[in-house]
Each structure stands twice: as structure tokens, then as C-alpha cells.
N, C-alpha and C. Protein backbone atom coordinates (compact mmCIF):
# COMPACT_ATOMS: atom_id res chain seq x y z
N UNK A 1 0.84 -1.16 0.00
CA UNK A 1 0.00 0.00 0.00
C UNK A 1 0.89 1.23 0.00
N UNK A 2 0.85 1.97 -1.06
CA UNK A 2 1.66 3.17 -1.13
C UNK A 2 0.79 4.38 -0.86
N UNK A 3 1.24 5.15 0.07
CA UNK A 3 0.48 6.36 0.37
C UNK A 3 1.23 7.54 -0.23
N UNK A 4 0.59 8.17 -1.17
CA UNK A 4 1.20 9.35 -1.79
C UNK A 4 0.81 10.56 -0.98
N UNK A 5 1.78 11.40 -0.70
CA UNK A 5 1.44 12.60 0.07
C UNK A 5 0.51 13.48 -0.74
N UNK A 6 -0.54 13.89 -0.09
CA UNK A 6 -1.51 14.73 -0.77
C UNK A 6 -1.02 16.17 -0.78
N UNK A 7 -1.13 16.77 -1.92
CA UNK A 7 -0.69 18.14 -2.09
C UNK A 7 -1.73 19.09 -1.48
N UNK A 8 -1.27 19.98 -0.65
CA UNK A 8 -2.17 20.93 0.01
C UNK A 8 -2.43 22.08 -0.96
N UNK A 9 -3.68 22.40 -1.13
CA UNK A 9 -4.06 23.51 -2.01
C UNK A 9 -4.36 24.73 -1.15
N UNK A 10 -3.91 25.88 -1.65
CA UNK A 10 -4.08 27.13 -0.92
C UNK A 10 -4.86 28.13 -1.77
N UNK A 11 -5.50 29.05 -1.09
CA UNK A 11 -6.15 30.20 -1.75
C UNK A 11 -5.73 31.45 -0.99
N UNK A 12 -5.82 32.55 -1.67
CA UNK A 12 -5.50 33.82 -1.02
C UNK A 12 -6.69 34.29 -0.19
N UNK A 13 -6.46 35.27 0.64
CA UNK A 13 -7.55 35.84 1.44
C UNK A 13 -8.60 36.46 0.53
N UNK A 14 -8.15 37.06 -0.57
CA UNK A 14 -9.09 37.68 -1.52
C UNK A 14 -9.97 36.62 -2.17
N UNK A 15 -9.36 35.49 -2.59
CA UNK A 15 -10.15 34.41 -3.20
C UNK A 15 -11.13 33.81 -2.20
N UNK A 16 -10.68 33.62 -0.97
CA UNK A 16 -11.57 33.07 0.06
C UNK A 16 -12.74 34.02 0.32
N UNK A 17 -12.45 35.30 0.37
CA UNK A 17 -13.51 36.29 0.60
C UNK A 17 -14.49 36.30 -0.55
N UNK A 18 -13.99 36.21 -1.78
CA UNK A 18 -14.87 36.22 -2.95
C UNK A 18 -15.78 35.00 -2.94
N UNK A 19 -15.25 33.86 -2.58
CA UNK A 19 -16.05 32.64 -2.55
C UNK A 19 -17.08 32.66 -1.43
N UNK A 20 -16.75 33.30 -0.32
CA UNK A 20 -17.66 33.33 0.83
C UNK A 20 -18.63 34.51 0.78
N UNK A 21 -18.39 35.45 -0.13
CA UNK A 21 -19.29 36.60 -0.22
C UNK A 21 -19.09 37.59 0.90
N UNK A 22 -17.88 37.61 1.46
CA UNK A 22 -17.55 38.57 2.51
C UNK A 22 -16.36 39.39 2.04
N UNK A 23 -16.01 40.39 2.81
CA UNK A 23 -14.86 41.22 2.43
C UNK A 23 -13.56 40.51 2.80
N UNK A 24 -12.50 40.93 2.15
CA UNK A 24 -11.17 40.39 2.48
C UNK A 24 -10.81 40.72 3.92
N UNK A 25 -11.26 41.86 4.38
CA UNK A 25 -11.00 42.27 5.76
C UNK A 25 -11.63 41.30 6.76
N UNK A 26 -12.84 40.80 6.42
CA UNK A 26 -13.50 39.83 7.30
C UNK A 26 -12.68 38.55 7.38
N UNK A 27 -12.17 38.09 6.24
CA UNK A 27 -11.34 36.88 6.23
C UNK A 27 -10.09 37.11 7.07
N UNK A 28 -9.49 38.29 6.95
CA UNK A 28 -8.31 38.60 7.74
C UNK A 28 -8.65 38.65 9.25
N UNK A 29 -9.85 39.11 9.58
CA UNK A 29 -10.28 39.10 10.99
C UNK A 29 -10.42 37.68 11.51
N UNK A 30 -10.97 36.79 10.65
CA UNK A 30 -11.09 35.38 11.04
C UNK A 30 -9.71 34.80 11.33
N UNK A 31 -8.74 35.16 10.48
CA UNK A 31 -7.38 34.65 10.66
C UNK A 31 -6.78 35.22 11.95
N UNK A 32 -6.95 36.51 12.17
CA UNK A 32 -6.38 37.16 13.36
C UNK A 32 -6.99 36.61 14.65
N UNK A 33 -8.27 36.28 14.61
CA UNK A 33 -8.92 35.78 15.82
C UNK A 33 -8.69 34.29 16.03
N UNK A 34 -8.04 33.62 15.07
CA UNK A 34 -7.76 32.20 15.20
C UNK A 34 -8.89 31.32 14.71
N UNK A 35 -9.95 31.88 14.16
CA UNK A 35 -11.06 31.08 13.65
C UNK A 35 -10.68 30.36 12.36
N UNK A 36 -9.70 30.90 11.64
CA UNK A 36 -9.30 30.33 10.35
C UNK A 36 -7.78 30.22 10.33
N UNK A 37 -7.31 29.05 9.96
CA UNK A 37 -5.87 28.80 9.90
C UNK A 37 -5.33 29.32 8.57
N UNK A 38 -4.15 29.98 8.60
CA UNK A 38 -3.54 30.50 7.39
C UNK A 38 -2.05 30.69 7.61
N UNK A 39 -1.30 30.65 6.51
CA UNK A 39 0.12 30.96 6.52
C UNK A 39 0.30 32.35 5.94
N UNK A 40 1.18 33.12 6.58
CA UNK A 40 1.42 34.47 6.07
C UNK A 40 2.73 34.48 5.30
N UNK A 41 2.67 34.93 4.07
CA UNK A 41 3.84 35.07 3.21
C UNK A 41 3.94 36.53 2.81
N UNK A 42 4.87 37.25 3.41
CA UNK A 42 4.98 38.68 3.13
C UNK A 42 3.78 39.39 3.71
N UNK A 43 3.02 40.04 2.85
CA UNK A 43 1.82 40.73 3.30
C UNK A 43 0.54 40.02 2.91
N UNK A 44 0.67 38.81 2.35
CA UNK A 44 -0.52 38.08 1.94
C UNK A 44 -0.64 36.79 2.74
N UNK A 45 -1.85 36.28 2.80
CA UNK A 45 -2.12 35.05 3.51
C UNK A 45 -2.37 33.93 2.51
N UNK A 46 -1.92 32.73 2.88
CA UNK A 46 -2.25 31.52 2.12
C UNK A 46 -3.12 30.67 3.03
N UNK A 47 -4.32 30.41 2.58
CA UNK A 47 -5.29 29.68 3.40
C UNK A 47 -5.46 28.29 2.80
N UNK A 48 -5.20 27.24 3.58
CA UNK A 48 -5.44 25.88 3.07
C UNK A 48 -6.93 25.68 2.82
N UNK A 49 -7.25 25.02 1.71
CA UNK A 49 -8.66 24.81 1.38
C UNK A 49 -9.37 23.99 2.45
N UNK A 50 -8.66 23.01 3.01
CA UNK A 50 -9.28 22.19 4.05
C UNK A 50 -9.67 23.05 5.25
N UNK A 51 -8.80 24.01 5.62
CA UNK A 51 -9.10 24.88 6.75
C UNK A 51 -10.30 25.77 6.44
N UNK A 52 -10.37 26.25 5.21
CA UNK A 52 -11.52 27.08 4.83
C UNK A 52 -12.80 26.28 4.86
N UNK A 53 -12.75 25.03 4.33
CA UNK A 53 -13.94 24.18 4.37
C UNK A 53 -14.36 23.89 5.80
N UNK A 54 -13.38 23.61 6.64
CA UNK A 54 -13.68 23.33 8.04
C UNK A 54 -14.31 24.54 8.71
N UNK A 55 -13.79 25.72 8.44
CA UNK A 55 -14.36 26.94 9.02
C UNK A 55 -15.80 27.15 8.53
N UNK A 56 -16.02 26.89 7.26
CA UNK A 56 -17.36 27.08 6.69
C UNK A 56 -18.35 26.11 7.33
N UNK A 57 -17.94 24.87 7.52
CA UNK A 57 -18.85 23.87 8.09
C UNK A 57 -19.05 24.06 9.59
N UNK A 58 -18.03 24.53 10.29
CA UNK A 58 -18.12 24.69 11.74
C UNK A 58 -18.74 26.00 12.16
N UNK A 59 -18.66 27.01 11.34
CA UNK A 59 -19.14 28.34 11.71
C UNK A 59 -20.66 28.37 11.59
N UNK A 60 -21.30 28.82 12.64
CA UNK A 60 -22.76 28.91 12.61
C UNK A 60 -23.23 30.30 12.23
N UNK A 61 -22.28 31.21 11.97
CA UNK A 61 -22.63 32.59 11.63
C UNK A 61 -22.95 32.74 10.16
N UNK A 62 -22.78 33.97 9.67
CA UNK A 62 -23.16 34.28 8.30
C UNK A 62 -22.24 33.64 7.27
N UNK A 63 -21.04 33.21 7.64
CA UNK A 63 -20.12 32.65 6.66
C UNK A 63 -20.64 31.33 6.13
N UNK A 64 -21.24 30.50 6.98
CA UNK A 64 -21.75 29.23 6.51
C UNK A 64 -22.89 29.42 5.54
N UNK A 65 -23.69 30.45 5.75
CA UNK A 65 -24.80 30.69 4.85
C UNK A 65 -24.34 31.25 3.52
N UNK A 66 -23.31 32.10 3.56
CA UNK A 66 -22.92 32.79 2.35
C UNK A 66 -21.81 32.09 1.59
N UNK A 67 -21.24 31.01 2.12
CA UNK A 67 -20.16 30.29 1.44
C UNK A 67 -20.68 29.02 0.80
N UNK A 68 -21.84 29.04 0.25
CA UNK A 68 -22.42 27.85 -0.35
C UNK A 68 -21.54 27.25 -1.42
N UNK A 69 -20.88 28.08 -2.21
CA UNK A 69 -20.02 27.57 -3.27
C UNK A 69 -18.72 27.02 -2.73
N UNK A 70 -18.31 27.42 -1.55
CA UNK A 70 -17.01 27.02 -1.02
C UNK A 70 -17.06 25.67 -0.31
N UNK A 71 -18.18 24.97 -0.37
CA UNK A 71 -18.30 23.71 0.34
C UNK A 71 -17.44 22.61 -0.26
N UNK A 72 -17.03 22.74 -1.48
CA UNK A 72 -16.22 21.71 -2.11
C UNK A 72 -14.89 22.28 -2.54
N UNK A 73 -13.89 21.42 -2.55
CA UNK A 73 -12.57 21.83 -3.00
C UNK A 73 -12.62 22.16 -4.48
N UNK A 74 -13.50 21.54 -5.23
CA UNK A 74 -13.58 21.75 -6.67
C UNK A 74 -13.90 23.21 -7.02
N UNK A 75 -14.55 23.91 -6.13
CA UNK A 75 -14.87 25.31 -6.42
C UNK A 75 -13.62 26.16 -6.53
N UNK A 76 -12.51 25.72 -5.94
CA UNK A 76 -11.28 26.50 -5.95
C UNK A 76 -10.26 26.01 -6.97
N UNK A 77 -10.53 24.94 -7.65
CA UNK A 77 -9.57 24.40 -8.59
C UNK A 77 -9.39 25.32 -9.79
N UNK A 78 -8.19 25.30 -10.40
CA UNK A 78 -7.92 26.20 -11.53
C UNK A 78 -8.86 26.00 -12.71
N UNK A 79 -9.33 24.78 -12.93
CA UNK A 79 -10.23 24.57 -14.07
C UNK A 79 -11.59 25.26 -13.88
N UNK A 80 -11.91 25.63 -12.67
CA UNK A 80 -13.17 26.34 -12.42
C UNK A 80 -12.99 27.85 -12.40
N UNK A 81 -11.82 28.32 -12.75
CA UNK A 81 -11.56 29.75 -12.83
C UNK A 81 -12.18 30.32 -14.10
N UNK A 82 -12.11 31.62 -14.24
CA UNK A 82 -12.65 32.28 -15.43
C UNK A 82 -11.92 31.84 -16.68
N UNK A 83 -12.67 31.66 -17.75
CA UNK A 83 -12.08 31.28 -19.02
C UNK A 83 -11.55 32.53 -19.72
N UNK A 84 -10.67 32.36 -20.72
CA UNK A 84 -10.17 33.54 -21.45
C UNK A 84 -11.30 34.35 -22.08
N UNK A 85 -12.36 33.69 -22.51
CA UNK A 85 -13.49 34.42 -23.10
C UNK A 85 -14.16 35.30 -22.04
N UNK A 86 -14.33 34.78 -20.82
CA UNK A 86 -14.93 35.56 -19.75
C UNK A 86 -14.03 36.73 -19.38
N UNK A 87 -12.72 36.51 -19.37
CA UNK A 87 -11.79 37.58 -19.06
C UNK A 87 -11.84 38.64 -20.13
N UNK A 88 -11.93 38.22 -21.39
CA UNK A 88 -12.03 39.17 -22.50
C UNK A 88 -13.31 39.99 -22.40
N UNK A 89 -14.41 39.32 -22.07
CA UNK A 89 -15.68 40.03 -21.90
C UNK A 89 -15.61 41.00 -20.74
N UNK A 90 -14.92 40.62 -19.68
CA UNK A 90 -14.76 41.52 -18.54
C UNK A 90 -13.97 42.76 -18.94
N UNK A 91 -12.94 42.57 -19.75
CA UNK A 91 -12.17 43.71 -20.25
C UNK A 91 -13.02 44.63 -21.10
N UNK A 92 -13.86 44.02 -21.94
CA UNK A 92 -14.76 44.81 -22.79
C UNK A 92 -15.75 45.58 -21.93
N UNK A 93 -16.29 44.93 -20.91
CA UNK A 93 -17.23 45.61 -20.02
C UNK A 93 -16.56 46.74 -19.25
N UNK A 94 -15.32 46.53 -18.86
CA UNK A 94 -14.59 47.59 -18.16
C UNK A 94 -14.37 48.79 -19.07
N UNK A 95 -14.07 48.52 -20.35
CA UNK A 95 -13.90 49.61 -21.32
C UNK A 95 -15.21 50.36 -21.50
N UNK A 96 -16.31 49.63 -21.63
CA UNK A 96 -17.62 50.28 -21.77
C UNK A 96 -17.95 51.12 -20.54
N UNK A 97 -17.61 50.61 -19.38
CA UNK A 97 -17.86 51.35 -18.15
C UNK A 97 -17.07 52.66 -18.12
N UNK A 98 -15.79 52.60 -18.50
CA UNK A 98 -14.97 53.82 -18.53
C UNK A 98 -15.54 54.83 -19.52
N UNK A 99 -15.96 54.35 -20.71
CA UNK A 99 -16.53 55.26 -21.71
C UNK A 99 -17.81 55.89 -21.21
N UNK A 100 -18.64 55.11 -20.54
CA UNK A 100 -19.90 55.63 -20.01
C UNK A 100 -19.64 56.66 -18.92
N UNK A 101 -18.66 56.39 -18.07
CA UNK A 101 -18.32 57.35 -17.02
C UNK A 101 -17.79 58.65 -17.61
N UNK A 102 -16.97 58.56 -18.66
CA UNK A 102 -16.45 59.77 -19.31
C UNK A 102 -17.58 60.56 -19.94
N UNK A 103 -18.53 59.86 -20.56
CA UNK A 103 -19.68 60.53 -21.17
C UNK A 103 -20.54 61.20 -20.09
N UNK A 104 -20.70 60.55 -18.96
CA UNK A 104 -21.46 61.12 -17.86
C UNK A 104 -20.81 62.39 -17.34
N UNK A 105 -19.49 62.38 -17.19
CA UNK A 105 -18.77 63.57 -16.73
C UNK A 105 -18.95 64.70 -17.73
N UNK A 106 -18.84 64.38 -19.02
CA UNK A 106 -18.99 65.40 -20.07
C UNK A 106 -20.39 66.00 -20.03
N UNK A 107 -21.39 65.17 -19.92
CA UNK A 107 -22.77 65.68 -19.90
C UNK A 107 -23.05 66.46 -18.62
N UNK A 108 -22.44 66.06 -17.52
CA UNK A 108 -22.61 66.81 -16.27
C UNK A 108 -22.00 68.20 -16.38
N UNK A 109 -20.83 68.28 -17.03
CA UNK A 109 -20.21 69.59 -17.23
C UNK A 109 -21.06 70.46 -18.14
N UNK A 110 -21.64 69.87 -19.19
CA UNK A 110 -22.50 70.64 -20.08
C UNK A 110 -23.75 71.11 -19.34
N UNK A 111 -24.32 70.26 -18.50
CA UNK A 111 -25.50 70.65 -17.73
C UNK A 111 -25.17 71.79 -16.78
N UNK A 112 -24.00 71.75 -16.16
CA UNK A 112 -23.60 72.83 -15.25
C UNK A 112 -23.42 74.14 -16.02
N UNK A 113 -22.86 74.05 -17.23
CA UNK A 113 -22.68 75.25 -18.05
C UNK A 113 -24.03 75.85 -18.43
N UNK A 114 -24.98 75.01 -18.84
CA UNK A 114 -26.30 75.51 -19.21
C UNK A 114 -27.05 76.05 -18.00
N UNK A 115 -26.84 75.47 -16.85
CA UNK A 115 -27.47 75.98 -15.63
C UNK A 115 -26.95 77.38 -15.31
N UNK A 116 -25.64 77.56 -15.44
CA UNK A 116 -25.05 78.88 -15.19
C UNK A 116 -25.57 79.89 -16.21
N UNK A 117 -25.70 79.47 -17.46
CA UNK A 117 -26.21 80.36 -18.51
C UNK A 117 -27.67 80.75 -18.22
N UNK A 118 -28.48 79.81 -17.77
CA UNK A 118 -29.87 80.10 -17.44
C UNK A 118 -29.96 81.09 -16.27
N UNK A 119 -29.10 80.93 -15.27
CA UNK A 119 -29.10 81.85 -14.14
C UNK A 119 -28.69 83.25 -14.58
N UNK A 120 -27.69 83.34 -15.48
CA UNK A 120 -27.26 84.64 -15.97
C UNK A 120 -28.38 85.32 -16.77
N UNK A 121 -29.06 84.55 -17.61
CA UNK A 121 -30.16 85.12 -18.39
C UNK A 121 -31.32 85.54 -17.49
N UNK A 122 -31.59 84.78 -16.45
CA UNK A 122 -32.65 85.15 -15.52
C UNK A 122 -32.31 86.47 -14.82
N UNK A 123 -31.06 86.66 -14.43
CA UNK A 123 -30.68 87.92 -13.79
C UNK A 123 -30.73 89.07 -14.80
N UNK A 124 -30.39 88.80 -16.06
CA UNK A 124 -30.47 89.84 -17.10
C UNK A 124 -31.92 90.25 -17.35
N UNK A 125 -32.82 89.28 -17.35
CA UNK A 125 -34.24 89.58 -17.53
C UNK A 125 -34.74 90.42 -16.36
N UNK A 126 -34.32 90.07 -15.16
CA UNK A 126 -34.72 90.86 -13.99
C UNK A 126 -34.21 92.28 -14.07
N UNK A 127 -32.98 92.46 -14.54
CA UNK A 127 -32.42 93.80 -14.69
C UNK A 127 -33.18 94.59 -15.75
N UNK A 128 -33.54 93.95 -16.85
CA UNK A 128 -34.29 94.63 -17.92
C UNK A 128 -35.68 95.04 -17.44
N UNK A 129 -36.33 94.18 -16.67
CA UNK A 129 -37.65 94.51 -16.14
C UNK A 129 -37.55 95.69 -15.17
N UNK A 130 -36.48 95.74 -14.41
CA UNK A 130 -36.29 96.86 -13.49
C UNK A 130 -36.10 98.16 -14.26
N UNK A 131 -35.40 98.11 -15.39
CA UNK A 131 -35.22 99.30 -16.22
C UNK A 131 -36.54 99.76 -16.84
N UNK A 132 -37.37 98.84 -17.24
CA UNK A 132 -38.68 99.19 -17.82
C UNK A 132 -39.58 99.82 -16.78
N UNK A 133 -39.43 99.43 -15.54
CA UNK A 133 -40.29 99.94 -14.48
C UNK A 133 -39.93 101.38 -14.09
N UNK A 134 -38.74 101.85 -14.43
CA UNK A 134 -38.36 103.23 -14.09
C UNK A 134 -39.13 104.20 -14.97
N UNK A 135 -39.50 105.39 -14.44
CA UNK A 135 -40.25 106.36 -15.24
C UNK A 135 -39.41 106.87 -16.42
N UNK A 136 -40.10 107.27 -17.47
CA UNK A 136 -39.44 107.73 -18.70
C UNK A 136 -38.77 109.08 -18.50
N UNK A 137 -39.19 109.86 -17.50
CA UNK A 137 -38.62 111.18 -17.27
C UNK A 137 -37.17 111.09 -16.83
N UNK A 138 -36.81 110.04 -16.16
CA UNK A 138 -35.44 109.94 -15.68
C UNK A 138 -34.47 109.55 -16.79
N UNK A 139 -34.99 109.10 -17.91
CA UNK A 139 -34.13 108.71 -19.02
C UNK A 139 -33.68 109.97 -19.76
N UNK A 140 -32.46 110.03 -20.25
CA UNK A 140 -32.00 111.21 -20.98
C UNK A 140 -32.76 111.38 -22.30
N UNK A 141 -32.92 112.61 -22.68
CA UNK A 141 -33.66 112.90 -23.91
C UNK A 141 -32.80 112.53 -25.11
N UNK A 142 -33.34 111.72 -25.96
CA UNK A 142 -32.65 111.29 -27.18
C UNK A 142 -33.37 111.94 -28.36
N UNK A 143 -32.63 112.64 -29.19
CA UNK A 143 -33.29 113.29 -30.32
C UNK A 143 -33.89 112.26 -31.27
N UNK A 144 -35.05 112.59 -31.77
CA UNK A 144 -35.75 111.70 -32.69
C UNK A 144 -35.16 111.89 -34.08
N UNK A 145 -34.61 110.88 -34.70
CA UNK A 145 -33.97 111.04 -36.01
C UNK A 145 -34.98 111.36 -37.11
N UNK A 146 -36.24 111.01 -36.93
CA UNK A 146 -37.25 111.28 -37.96
C UNK A 146 -37.63 112.76 -37.94
N UNK A 147 -37.60 113.37 -36.80
CA UNK A 147 -38.04 114.75 -36.68
C UNK A 147 -37.07 115.72 -37.35
N UNK A 148 -35.80 115.42 -37.46
CA UNK A 148 -34.83 116.33 -38.09
C UNK A 148 -34.83 116.10 -39.60
N UNK A 149 -34.89 117.17 -40.34
CA UNK A 149 -34.84 117.01 -41.80
C UNK A 149 -33.43 116.61 -42.21
N UNK A 150 -33.36 115.78 -43.18
CA UNK A 150 -32.08 115.33 -43.66
C UNK A 150 -31.64 116.21 -44.81
N UNK A 151 -30.35 116.49 -44.86
CA UNK A 151 -29.82 117.32 -45.94
C UNK A 151 -29.51 116.43 -47.13
N UNK A 152 -29.67 116.95 -48.31
CA UNK A 152 -29.27 116.17 -49.49
C UNK A 152 -27.76 116.00 -49.51
N UNK A 153 -27.28 115.07 -50.23
CA UNK A 153 -25.86 114.74 -50.24
C UNK A 153 -25.00 115.86 -50.74
N UNK A 154 -25.52 116.69 -51.65
CA UNK A 154 -24.68 117.77 -52.18
C UNK A 154 -24.48 118.89 -51.19
N UNK A 155 -25.30 118.97 -50.19
CA UNK A 155 -25.14 120.03 -49.19
C UNK A 155 -24.01 119.74 -48.21
N UNK A 156 -23.53 118.54 -48.18
CA UNK A 156 -22.41 118.20 -47.29
C UNK A 156 -21.10 118.73 -47.84
N UNK A 157 -21.07 119.06 -49.14
CA UNK A 157 -19.83 119.53 -49.74
C UNK A 157 -19.73 121.03 -49.59
N UNK A 158 -18.56 121.59 -49.49
CA UNK A 158 -18.45 123.03 -49.34
C UNK A 158 -18.70 123.81 -50.59
């Protein structure tokens, strides 16, 4: 009977959080409190899949309810990762999102410009109405061009 050593599979705290539907910070809290076993390499954690499964099955809190996909080791295997087509679609969606955000910023700036223009025109209308309300006597006398006779063109010459 030959017993082959079983290779331990690890996931990052980010992957564990994504599978459980919690934040990475929550996973790190589980590790800090001793609820979840993990190895720390630099600034990242490596969590054995068996330890994550054990935590999911033993925890009676929200993690057991929200880690439905994490119940099997197969959920973490590389063949169950995103396919190149899904990654390409994600890139396309990210591009569309950036374009939509840029268009939104542009339209917001245009709306702000038109709002400022409307406010300026409203104040101009108010000023014009105030001028109309003033009595005509206070306005300077402007000569009526129709009342003055016009000279013929030859009279302008000496």
C-alpha cells in the first residue's frame, strides 16, 4: 500500500472572501482571531482549502450561509476559474464602463454650463424689467432722427 502525500491547495484571502461573499478584511479578521488557519507570506495570507472548508462547516454565523459555493474543493480548482473568453468580456465591459463614465462627466459639465447660462439670463431679464419699471422722465432725452430734416448729399460739400 503506497500512500502518496496529498498536495495541500491554498487560496489567497481575496479568493476566500470572494467565494464566501464577505470582504477580504473579514477573512483577515477570522485569521487574526484564530477562527481560520492560514500561513502568512509577506503581506498576503495563504489559506489551506481544508481549513476554509472546516471553518465554513463549523461556523454557525453568516459565513456558513454565504459560502455555499465554497463547500467543495472543486470550487477552488484552476479549471473552475474564469475562461479567457470571460476575461475578454470583462475587459470589454470595463472599457464600456470607462466610456460611459467619461460621457457622464462630459454631460454633467454641459449641464452645469447651461445651468449657469440660465441663471445669468434670468438675472439679465430681472435687470431689464427693473429698467422698464423706471419712469421715462429719468431717461436722458434722445433726439428723434425722424423729426430732423435730412440734408441732401450735395449740401455736405463746401
